[in-house]
C-alpha atoms as a PDB file:
ATOM      1  CA  MET A   1      11.124 -24.691   9.498  1.00  0.00           C
ATOM      2  CA  ILE A   2      11.899 -23.405   5.992  1.00  0.00           C
ATOM      3  CA  ARG A   3       9.266 -20.826   5.038  1.00  0.00           C
ATOM      4  CA  LEU A   4       8.585 -19.432   1.582  1.00  0.00           C
ATOM      5  CA  GLY A   5       8.609 -15.664   1.212  1.00  0.00           C
ATOM      6  CA  GLU A   6      10.525 -14.922   4.399  1.00  0.00           C
ATOM      7  CA  LYS A   7      14.069 -14.091   5.411  1.00  0.00           C
ATOM      8  CA  GLN A   8      15.465 -16.727   7.757  1.00  0.00           C
ATOM      9  CA  THR A   9      18.778 -18.067   9.017  1.00  0.00           C
ATOM     10  CA  LEU A  10      19.859 -21.457   7.658  1.00  0.00           C
ATOM     11  CA  GLU A  11      22.990 -23.550   8.164  1.00  0.00           C
ATOM     12  CA  VAL A  12      25.448 -24.486   5.403  1.00  0.00           C
ATOM     13  CA  VAL A  13      25.579 -28.296   5.183  1.00  0.00           C
ATOM     14  CA  LYS A  14      27.291 -28.892   1.799  1.00  0.00           C
ATOM     15  CA  LYS A  15      29.601 -27.031  -0.589  1.00  0.00           C
ATOM     16  CA  MET A  16      29.481 -27.682  -4.328  1.00  0.00           C
ATOM     17  CA  ASP A  17      31.099 -26.042  -7.348  1.00  0.00           C
ATOM     18  CA  PHE A  18      27.739 -24.474  -8.275  1.00  0.00           C
ATOM     19  CA  GLY A  19      26.762 -23.280  -4.814  1.00  0.00           C
ATOM     20  CA  LEU A  20      25.942 -24.119  -1.205  1.00  0.00           C
ATOM     21  CA  TYR A  21      23.236 -26.290   0.294  1.00  0.00           C
ATOM     22  CA  LEU A  22      21.542 -24.918   3.392  1.00  0.00           C
ATOM     23  CA  LYS A  23      19.236 -26.550   5.898  1.00  0.00           C
ATOM     24  CA  ASP A  24      17.073 -25.875   8.925  1.00  0.00           C
ATOM     25  CA  PHE A  25      17.658 -28.836  11.222  1.00  0.00           C
ATOM     26  CA  ASN A  26      14.325 -28.190  12.934  1.00  0.00           C
ATOM     27  CA  ASP A  27      12.600 -28.911   9.616  1.00  0.00           C
ATOM     28  CA  THR A  28      12.415 -32.691   9.372  1.00  0.00           C
ATOM     29  CA  GLU A  29      10.173 -32.661   6.297  1.00  0.00           C
ATOM     30  CA  ARG A  30      12.410 -30.762   3.877  1.00  0.00           C
ATOM     31  CA  ASP A  31      15.864 -31.498   2.502  1.00  0.00           C
ATOM     32  CA  SER A  32      18.563 -28.859   2.149  1.00  0.00           C
ATOM     33  CA  ILE A  33      18.027 -26.125  -0.457  1.00  0.00           C
ATOM     34  CA  LEU A  34      20.420 -24.519  -2.898  1.00  0.00           C
ATOM     35  CA  LEU A  35      22.047 -21.118  -2.568  1.00  0.00           C
ATOM     36  CA  PRO A  36      23.577 -20.550  -6.057  1.00  0.00           C
ATOM     37  CA  LYS A  37      27.284 -19.747  -6.184  1.00  0.00           C
ATOM     38  CA  ASN A  38      26.751 -16.205  -7.469  1.00  0.00           C
ATOM     39  CA  GLU A  39      24.506 -15.537  -4.435  1.00  0.00           C
ATOM     40  CA  ALA A  40      26.834 -17.003  -1.803  1.00  0.00           C
ATOM     41  CA  PRO A  41      29.501 -15.148   0.217  1.00  0.00           C
ATOM     42  CA  ASN A  42      32.991 -16.061  -0.991  1.00  0.00           C
ATOM     43  CA  ASN A  43      34.172 -17.109   2.470  1.00  0.00           C
ATOM     44  CA  ALA A  44      31.108 -19.169   3.445  1.00  0.00           C
ATOM     45  CA  ASP A  45      31.914 -22.634   4.839  1.00  0.00           C
ATOM     46  CA  ILE A  46      30.249 -25.725   6.296  1.00  0.00           C
ATOM     47  CA  SER A  47      28.324 -24.992   9.551  1.00  0.00           C
ATOM     48  CA  ASP A  48      28.114 -21.249   8.809  1.00  0.00           C
ATOM     49  CA  HIS A  49      24.738 -19.634   9.376  1.00  0.00           C
ATOM     50  CA  LEU A  50      23.465 -17.365   6.598  1.00  0.00           C
ATOM     51  CA  GLU A  51      20.409 -15.123   6.424  1.00  0.00           C
ATOM     52  CA  VAL A  52      18.568 -15.887   3.192  1.00  0.00           C
ATOM     53  CA  PHE A  53      15.238 -15.388   1.431  1.00  0.00           C
ATOM     54  CA  VAL A  54      13.482 -18.583   0.320  1.00  0.00           C
ATOM     55  CA  TYR A  55      11.446 -18.891  -2.885  1.00  0.00           C
ATOM     56  CA  LYS A  56      11.033 -21.266  -5.856  1.00  0.00           C
ATOM     57  CA  ASP A  57      12.963 -21.110  -9.115  1.00  0.00           C
ATOM     58  CA  SER A  58      11.573 -21.452 -12.664  1.00  0.00           C
ATOM     59  CA  GLU A  59      11.558 -25.258 -12.249  1.00  0.00           C
ATOM     60  CA  ASP A  60       9.579 -25.099  -8.994  1.00  0.00           C
ATOM     61  CA  ARG A  61      12.561 -26.070  -6.839  1.00  0.00           C
ATOM     62  CA  TYR A  62      13.134 -24.502  -3.429  1.00  0.00           C
ATOM     63  CA  VAL A  63      16.100 -22.121  -3.638  1.00  0.00           C
ATOM     64  CA  CYS A  64      17.354 -19.196  -1.605  1.00  0.00           C
ATOM     65  CA  THR A  65      19.172 -15.921  -2.083  1.00  0.00           C
ATOM     66  CA  THR A  66      21.104 -13.525   0.113  1.00  0.00           C
ATOM     67  CA  LYS A  67      19.346 -10.658  -1.687  1.00  0.00           C
ATOM     68  CA  THR A  68      16.364  -8.992  -0.055  1.00  0.00           C
ATOM     69  CA  PRO A  69      13.459  -8.717  -2.519  1.00  0.00           C
ATOM     70  CA  LYS A  70      11.276  -5.635  -2.710  1.00  0.00           C
ATOM     71  CA  ILE A  71       8.497  -7.407  -0.785  1.00  0.00           C
ATOM     72  CA  LEU A  72       8.374 -10.028   1.984  1.00  0.00           C
ATOM     73  CA  MET A  73       5.526 -12.166   3.260  1.00  0.00           C
ATOM     74  CA  GLY A  74       3.146 -10.046   5.337  1.00  0.00           C
ATOM     75  CA  GLU A  75       4.073  -6.753   3.633  1.00  0.00           C
ATOM     76  CA  PHE A  76       2.168  -4.545   1.194  1.00  0.00           C
ATOM     77  CA  LYS A  77       4.337  -2.928  -1.459  1.00  0.00           C
ATOM     78  CA  GLU A  78       3.997  -1.230  -4.843  1.00  0.00           C
ATOM     79  CA  LEU A  79       5.720  -3.285  -7.548  1.00  0.00           C
ATOM     80  CA  LYS A  80       6.095  -2.442 -11.222  1.00  0.00           C
ATOM     81  CA  VAL A  81       4.603  -4.715 -13.886  1.00  0.00           C
ATOM     82  CA  ALA A  82       7.442  -6.141 -15.968  1.00  0.00           C
ATOM     83  CA  GLN A  83       5.210  -7.991 -18.427  1.00  0.00           C
ATOM     84  CA  VAL A  84       1.576  -8.923 -19.008  1.00  0.00           C
ATOM     85  CA  THR A  85       1.090 -12.340 -20.635  1.00  0.00           C
ATOM     86  CA  LYS A  86      -1.771 -14.683 -21.529  1.00  0.00           C
ATOM     87  CA  ILE A  87      -1.582 -16.344 -18.105  1.00  0.00           C
ATOM     88  CA  GLY A  88      -1.213 -13.230 -15.949  1.00  0.00           C
ATOM     89  CA  ALA A  89       1.214 -10.451 -15.102  1.00  0.00           C
ATOM     90  CA  PHE A  90       4.795 -10.656 -13.880  1.00  0.00           C
ATOM     91  CA  LEU A  91       6.145  -8.110 -11.400  1.00  0.00           C
ATOM     92  CA  ASP A  92       9.674  -6.889 -10.803  1.00  0.00           C
ATOM     93  CA  TRP A  93      10.532  -7.660  -7.191  1.00  0.00           C
ATOM     94  CA  GLY A  94      14.309  -7.494  -7.444  1.00  0.00           C
ATOM     95  CA  LEU A  95      15.053 -11.184  -8.088  1.00  0.00           C
ATOM     96  CA  MET A  96      16.034 -12.963 -11.316  1.00  0.00           C
ATOM     97  CA  LYS A  97      12.648 -14.700 -11.548  1.00  0.00           C
ATOM     98  CA  ASP A  98       9.784 -12.191 -11.712  1.00  0.00           C
ATOM     99  CA  LEU A  99       6.839 -12.504  -9.319  1.00  0.00           C
ATOM    100  CA  PHE A 100       3.617 -13.928 -10.792  1.00  0.00           C
ATOM    101  CA  LEU A 101       0.343 -11.980 -10.419  1.00  0.00           C
ATOM    102  CA  PRO A 102      -2.529 -14.242 -11.625  1.00  0.00           C
ATOM    103  CA  PHE A 103      -5.495 -12.715 -13.443  1.00  0.00           C
ATOM    104  CA  LYS A 104      -7.840 -13.799 -10.643  1.00  0.00           C
ATOM    105  CA  GLU A 105      -5.781 -11.801  -8.146  1.00  0.00           C
ATOM    106  CA  GLN A 106      -5.874  -8.578 -10.176  1.00  0.00           C
ATOM    107  CA  ILE A 107      -8.163  -5.584  -9.614  1.00  0.00           C
ATOM    108  CA  GLY A 108      -8.959  -3.629 -12.759  1.00  0.00           C
ATOM    109  CA  THR A 109      -6.825  -3.652 -15.898  1.00  0.00           C
ATOM    110  CA  VAL A 110      -3.123  -4.269 -15.317  1.00  0.00           C
ATOM    111  CA  ARG A 111      -0.687  -2.916 -17.932  1.00  0.00           C
ATOM    112  CA  ASP A 112       3.048  -3.101 -18.630  1.00  0.00           C
ATOM    113  CA  GLY A 113       4.965  -0.528 -16.579  1.00  0.00           C
ATOM    114  CA  GLN A 114       2.091   0.046 -14.144  1.00  0.00           C
ATOM    115  CA  SER A 115       2.721   0.001 -10.387  1.00  0.00           C
ATOM    116  CA  CYS A 116       0.448  -2.296  -8.364  1.00  0.00           C
ATOM    117  CA  LEU A 117       0.001  -2.489  -4.585  1.00  0.00           C
ATOM    118  CA  VAL A 118       0.319  -6.182  -3.762  1.00  0.00           C
ATOM    119  CA  ALA A 119       0.954  -8.721  -1.029  1.00  0.00           C
ATOM    120  CA  LEU A 120       2.548 -12.174  -1.190  1.00  0.00           C
ATOM    121  CA  TYR A 121       0.714 -15.452  -0.739  1.00  0.00           C
ATOM    122  CA  VAL A 122       1.454 -19.135  -1.325  1.00  0.00           C
ATOM    123  CA  ASP A 123      -0.843 -20.758  -3.903  1.00  0.00           C
ATOM    124  CA  LYS A 124      -2.146 -24.348  -3.963  1.00  0.00           C
ATOM    125  CA  SER A 125       1.007 -25.472  -5.773  1.00  0.00           C
ATOM    126  CA  GLU A 126       3.171 -23.977  -3.004  1.00  0.00           C
ATOM    127  CA  ARG A 127       4.437 -21.183  -5.227  1.00  0.00           C
ATOM    128  CA  LEU A 128       4.896 -17.589  -4.164  1.00  0.00           C
ATOM    129  CA  CYS A 129       2.468 -15.316  -5.992  1.00  0.00           C
ATOM    130  CA  ALA A 130       1.232 -11.744  -5.715  1.00  0.00           C
ATOM    131  CA  THR A 131      -2.306 -10.551  -5.074  1.00  0.00           C
ATOM    132  CA  MET A 132      -3.960  -7.159  -5.331  1.00  0.00           C
ATOM    133  CA  ARG A 133      -6.878  -8.517  -3.268  1.00  0.00           C
ATOM    134  CA  ILE A 134      -5.334  -7.507   0.010  1.00  0.00           C
ATOM    135  CA  SER A 135      -8.483  -7.486   2.156  1.00  0.00           C
ATOM    136  CA  LYS A 136      -8.489 -11.288   2.472  1.00  0.00           C
ATOM    137  CA  LEU A 137      -5.029 -11.147   4.058  1.00  0.00           C
ATOM    138  CA  LEU A 138      -5.930  -8.527   6.670  1.00  0.00           C
ATOM    139  CA  SER A 139      -6.804  -9.487  10.215  1.00  0.00           C
ATOM    140  CA  LEU A 140      -9.979  -8.647  12.128  1.00  0.00           C
ATOM    141  CA  SER A 141      -8.344  -9.391  15.474  1.00  0.00           C
ATOM    142  CA  HIS A 142      -6.868  -6.321  17.195  1.00  0.00           C
ATOM    143  CA  ASP A 143      -7.168  -4.107  20.268  1.00  0.00           C
ATOM    144  CA  LEU A 144      -7.429  -0.720  18.545  1.00  0.00           C
ATOM    145  CA  GLN A 145      -9.790   1.703  20.249  1.00  0.00           C
ATOM    146  CA  PRO A 146     -11.913   4.613  18.923  1.00  0.00           C
ATOM    147  CA  GLY A 147     -10.029   7.897  19.051  1.00  0.00           C
ATOM    148  CA  THR A 148      -6.644   6.291  18.381  1.00  0.00           C
ATOM    149  CA  LYS A 149      -4.576   8.120  15.762  1.00  0.00           C
ATOM    150  CA  THR A 150      -2.563   5.846  13.472  1.00  0.00           C
ATOM    151  CA  LYS A 151      -1.477   5.210   9.866  1.00  0.00           C
ATOM    152  CA  GLY A 152      -2.233   2.833   7.025  1.00  0.00           C
ATOM    153  CA  ILE A 153      -1.901   2.124   3.289  1.00  0.00           C
ATOM    154  CA  ILE A 154      -4.760   2.555   0.820  1.00  0.00           C
ATOM    155  CA  TYR A 155      -5.377  -0.674  -1.086  1.00  0.00           C
ATOM    156  CA  ASN A 156      -8.642   0.126  -2.883  1.00  0.00           C
ATOM    157  CA  VAL A 157     -10.628   3.255  -3.761  1.00  0.00           C
ATOM    158  CA  HIS A 158     -14.357   2.791  -4.411  1.00  0.00           C
ATOM    159  CA  LYS A 159     -16.236   5.824  -5.728  1.00  0.00           C
ATOM    160  CA  GLU A 160     -19.470   4.854  -4.000  1.00  0.00           C
ATOM    161  CA  ILE A 161     -18.291   3.183  -0.786  1.00  0.00           C
ATOM    162  CA  GLY A 162     -15.059   4.912   0.201  1.00  0.00           C
ATOM    163  CA  ILE A 163     -11.371   4.211   0.736  1.00  0.00           C
ATOM    164  CA  PHE A 164     -10.235   0.795   1.933  1.00  0.00           C
ATOM    165  CA  VAL A 165      -7.148   0.920   4.140  1.00  0.00           C
ATOM    166  CA  ALA A 166      -4.709  -1.608   5.557  1.00  0.00           C
ATOM    167  CA  VAL A 167      -4.602  -0.148   9.066  1.00  0.00           C
ATOM    168  CA  GLU A 168      -1.032  -0.389  10.404  1.00  0.00           C
ATOM    169  CA  GLY A 169      -0.490  -2.764   7.473  1.00  0.00           C
ATOM    170  CA  LYS A 170      -2.476  -5.482   9.276  1.00  0.00           C
ATOM    171  CA  TYR A 171      -6.172  -4.737   9.793  1.00  0.00           C
ATOM    172  CA  GLN A 172      -9.244  -3.976   7.667  1.00  0.00           C
ATOM    173  CA  GLY A 173     -10.331  -0.343   7.697  1.00  0.00           C
ATOM    174  CA  LEU A 174     -12.715   1.858   5.721  1.00  0.00           C
ATOM    175  CA  ILE A 175     -12.984   5.610   5.295  1.00  0.00           C
ATOM    176  CA  PRO A 176     -16.639   6.192   4.246  1.00  0.00           C
ATOM    177  CA  ILE A 177     -17.125   8.151   1.041  1.00  0.00           C
ATOM    178  CA  LYS A 178     -18.748  11.031   2.962  1.00  0.00           C
ATOM    179  CA  GLU A 179     -15.419  11.503   4.795  1.00  0.00           C
ATOM    180  CA  VAL A 180     -13.375  11.748   1.594  1.00  0.00           C
ATOM    181  CA  THR A 181     -12.737  15.384   0.658  1.00  0.00           C
ATOM    182  CA  LYS A 182      -9.442  15.004  -1.231  1.00  0.00           C
ATOM    183  CA  HIS A 183      -8.056  12.865  -4.031  1.00  0.00           C
ATOM    184  CA  TYR A 184      -6.363   9.672  -2.874  1.00  0.00           C
ATOM    185  CA  GLN A 185      -4.988   6.720  -4.775  1.00  0.00           C
ATOM    186  CA  VAL A 186      -3.959   3.143  -4.109  1.00  0.00           C
ATOM    187  CA  GLY A 187      -0.575   2.970  -2.391  1.00  0.00           C
ATOM    188  CA  ASP A 188      -0.900   6.282  -0.510  1.00  0.00           C
ATOM    189  CA  GLU A 189       0.093   6.145   3.148  1.00  0.00           C
ATOM    190  CA  ILE A 190      -2.264   8.269   5.229  1.00  0.00           C
ATOM    191  CA  THR A 191      -2.877   9.252   8.841  1.00  0.00           C
ATOM    192  CA  PHE A 192      -6.348   8.955  10.378  1.00  0.00           C
ATOM    193  CA  LYS A 193      -8.294   8.300  13.558  1.00  0.00           C
ATOM    194  CA  ILE A 194     -10.245   5.218  14.564  1.00  0.00           C
ATOM    195  CA  ALA A 195     -13.886   6.314  14.506  1.00  0.00           C
ATOM    196  CA  LYS A 196     -15.572   3.024  15.359  1.00  0.00           C
ATOM    197  CA  VAL A 197     -14.736  -0.653  15.723  1.00  0.00           C
ATOM    198  CA  GLN A 198     -17.503  -2.925  14.465  1.00  0.00           C
ATOM    199  CA  GLN A 199     -18.444  -6.191  16.172  1.00  0.00           C
ATOM    200  CA  ASP A 200     -16.677  -8.267  13.519  1.00  0.00           C
ATOM    201  CA  GLY A 201     -13.447  -6.292  14.003  1.00  0.00           C
ATOM    202  CA  LYS A 202     -13.668  -4.107  10.884  1.00  0.00           C
ATOM    203  CA  ILE A 203     -12.636  -0.526  11.547  1.00  0.00           C
ATOM    204  CA  ASP A 204     -14.401   2.674  10.521  1.00  0.00           C
ATOM    205  CA  LEU A 205     -11.899   5.488  10.015  1.00  0.00           C
ATOM    206  CA  THR A 206     -12.047   9.261   9.869  1.00  0.00           C
ATOM    207  CA  LEU A 207      -9.627  11.707   8.286  1.00  0.00           C
ATOM    208  CA  ARG A 208     -10.967  14.629  10.282  1.00  0.00           C
ATOM    209  CA  ASP A 209      -9.555  15.823  13.572  1.00  0.00           C
ATOM    210  CA  GLY A 210     -12.793  17.695  14.234  1.00  0.00           C
ATOM    211  CA  GLY A 211     -13.411  21.202  15.452  1.00  0.00           C
ATOM    212  CA  PHE A 212     -11.214  24.117  14.489  1.00  0.00           C
ATOM    213  CA  THR A 213      -8.200  22.014  13.497  1.00  0.00           C
ATOM    214  CA  GLN A 214      -9.868  20.686  10.354  1.00  0.00           C
ATOM    215  CA  MET A 215     -11.361  24.084   9.480  1.00  0.00           C
ATOM    216  CA  GLU A 216      -7.950  25.698   9.779  1.00  0.00           C
ATOM    217  CA  ASP A 217      -6.446  22.996   7.523  1.00  0.00           C
ATOM    218  CA  ASP A 218      -9.137  23.569   4.884  1.00  0.00           C
ATOM    219  CA  GLU A 219      -8.647  27.350   5.053  1.00  0.00           C
ATOM    220  CA  GLU A 220      -4.888  26.993   4.631  1.00  0.00           C
ATOM    221  CA  GLU A 221      -5.318  24.590   1.717  1.00  0.00           C
ATOM    222  CA  LEU A 222      -7.690  26.969  -0.099  1.00  0.00           C
ATOM    223  CA  PHE A 223      -5.354  29.903   0.512  1.00  0.00           C
ATOM    224  CA  GLU A 224      -2.417  27.929  -0.925  1.00  0.00           C
ATOM    225  CA  ALA A 225      -4.488  26.906  -3.949  1.00  0.00           C
ATOM    226  CA  LEU A 226      -5.281  30.572  -4.646  1.00  0.00           C
ATOM    227  CA  ASN A 227      -1.626  31.538  -4.272  1.00  0.00           C
ATOM    228  CA  ASN A 228      -0.581  28.768  -6.651  1.00  0.00           C
ATOM    229  CA  ASN A 229      -3.087  29.992  -9.274  1.00  0.00           C
ATOM    230  CA  ASP A 230      -2.077  33.660  -9.388  1.00  0.00           C
ATOM    231  CA  GLY A 231      -4.612  34.559  -6.719  1.00  0.00           C
ATOM    232  CA  PHE A 232      -7.712  33.361  -8.599  1.00  0.00           C
ATOM    233  CA  LEU A 233      -9.840  30.216  -8.861  1.00  0.00           C
ATOM    234  CA  PRO A 234     -12.798  29.917 -11.287  1.00  0.00           C
ATOM    235  CA  ILE A 235     -15.133  28.517  -8.608  1.00  0.00           C
ATOM    236  CA  ASN A 236     -17.400  29.996  -5.956  1.00  0.00           C
ATOM    237  CA  ASP A 237     -20.076  28.865  -3.513  1.00  0.00           C
ATOM    238  CA  LYS A 238     -22.508  28.405  -6.427  1.00  0.00           C
ATOM    239  CA  SER A 239     -20.242  25.890  -8.187  1.00  0.00           C
ATOM    240  CA  GLN A 240     -21.249  22.225  -8.410  1.00  0.00           C
ATOM    241  CA  LYS A 241     -19.731  19.958  -5.751  1.00  0.00           C
ATOM    242  CA  GLU A 242     -18.109  17.814  -8.476  1.00  0.00           C
ATOM    243  CA  VAL A 243     -16.304  20.880  -9.855  1.00  0.00           C
ATOM    244  CA  ILE A 244     -15.080  21.903  -6.404  1.00  0.00           C
ATOM    245  CA  ASN A 245     -13.862  18.389  -5.658  1.00  0.00           C
ATOM    246  CA  ARG A 246     -12.053  18.216  -9.005  1.00  0.00           C
ATOM    247  CA  GLU A 247     -10.351  21.576  -8.488  1.00  0.00           C
ATOM    248  CA  LEU A 248      -9.475  21.234  -4.807  1.00  0.00           C
ATOM    249  CA  GLY A 249     -10.118  17.657  -3.737  1.00  0.00           C
ATOM    250  CA  MET A 250     -12.446  19.176  -1.119  1.00  0.00           C
ATOM    251  CA  SER A 251     -16.144  18.765  -0.358  1.00  0.00           C
ATOM    252  CA  LYS A 252     -18.449  21.710  -1.129  1.00  0.00           C
ATOM    253  CA  ARG A 253     -19.246  22.074   2.565  1.00  0.00           C
ATOM    254  CA  ALA A 254     -15.561  22.246   3.494  1.00  0.00           C
ATOM    255  CA  PHE A 255     -14.917  24.689   0.631  1.00  0.00           C
ATOM    256  CA  LYS A 256     -17.709  27.075   1.694  1.00  0.00           C
ATOM    257  CA  ARG A 257     -16.503  26.988   5.276  1.00  0.00           C
ATOM    258  CA  ALA A 258     -12.887  27.676   4.252  1.00  0.00           C
ATOM    259  CA  LEU A 259     -13.970  30.471   1.905  1.00  0.00           C
ATOM    260  CA  GLY A 260     -16.057  32.046   4.659  1.00  0.00           C
ATOM    261  CA  ARG A 261     -13.067  32.081   6.989  1.00  0.00           C
ATOM    262  CA  LEU A 262     -10.834  33.700   4.326  1.00  0.00           C
ATOM    263  CA  MET A 263     -13.477  36.340   3.546  1.00  0.00           C
ATOM    264  CA  LYS A 264     -14.009  37.069   7.242  1.00  0.00           C
ATOM    265  CA  ALA A 265     -10.257  37.569   7.599  1.00  0.00           C
ATOM    266  CA  ASN A 266     -10.408  39.937   4.597  1.00  0.00           C
ATOM    267  CA  LYS A 267      -7.999  37.722   2.653  1.00  0.00           C
ATOM    268  CA  ALA A 268     -10.298  36.836  -0.234  1.00  0.00           C
ATOM    269  CA  GLU A 269     -13.427  37.948  -2.033  1.00  0.00           C
ATOM    270  CA  GLN A 270     -16.029  36.242  -4.203  1.00  0.00           C
ATOM    271  CA  THR A 271     -17.350  37.265  -7.628  1.00  0.00           C
ATOM    272  CA  ASP A 272     -19.652  35.716 -10.192  1.00  0.00           C
ATOM    273  CA  LYS A 273     -16.593  34.367 -12.009  1.00  0.00           C
ATOM    274  CA  GLY A 274     -14.842  32.877  -8.990  1.00  0.00           C
ATOM    275  CA  ILE A 275     -12.811  33.796  -5.924  1.00  0.00           C
ATOM    276  CA  LYS A 276      -9.663  35.865  -5.666  1.00  0.00           C
ATOM    277  CA  LEU A 277      -7.182  37.023  -3.098  1.00  0.00           C
ATOM    278  CA  LYS A 278      -7.372  40.577  -1.900  1.00  0.00           C
END
């Protein structure tokens, strides 16, 4: 069956001066579709099988290309905004016709030249479009277990709730705001552990390994920050948590613990003006 937004192998059934017509003989509902001449291999002939990507052209006709676009159905990718118009934004995805991102599928203000994390979907008119509202495309059906270490892509950052993650690019996950000690942004790929799986399948995540491993990481990060700032930072354990987070992307609790470890190791000292390396 011919599927929009996917790479698939189709058979050449007709050759014309302007291109080739390809068909999936298992698809009884759809006629052959055009592969333009400038997209077709020079030696392609009737009955050859070609791997192509299927989409719709500017006149809403099914067409295909041998090019691989920057995003396929089921993927999450950052694409650059080519143009913002009165009807929505258009994204550069590597094909002649830009990918449409409707206003209703946007999160926040989208501007020319901006990179947006999006997924593909087929709208009611059977056109391929982009959406920044990725959560509705993620599955709640999985067999992930608490304690499992895995990866995912951040698709939304909420200052009050936490970081929303596409776990393994497929499932809904959340890192609660209390777990967030560093600065993250949409599109970042991160590693985490499964903390809890809720009854509806949503996944609670944690960035912390626990125990001494995390404390050692925080200590090393603070030490590097001091080294990168000529051995001095204008913060101490009396500083506001917002200031510490802005300077280090670290919670105040983690900062105080890391500072204590450095001071105990006689690597740093604290003054009224800040902390410095010894």
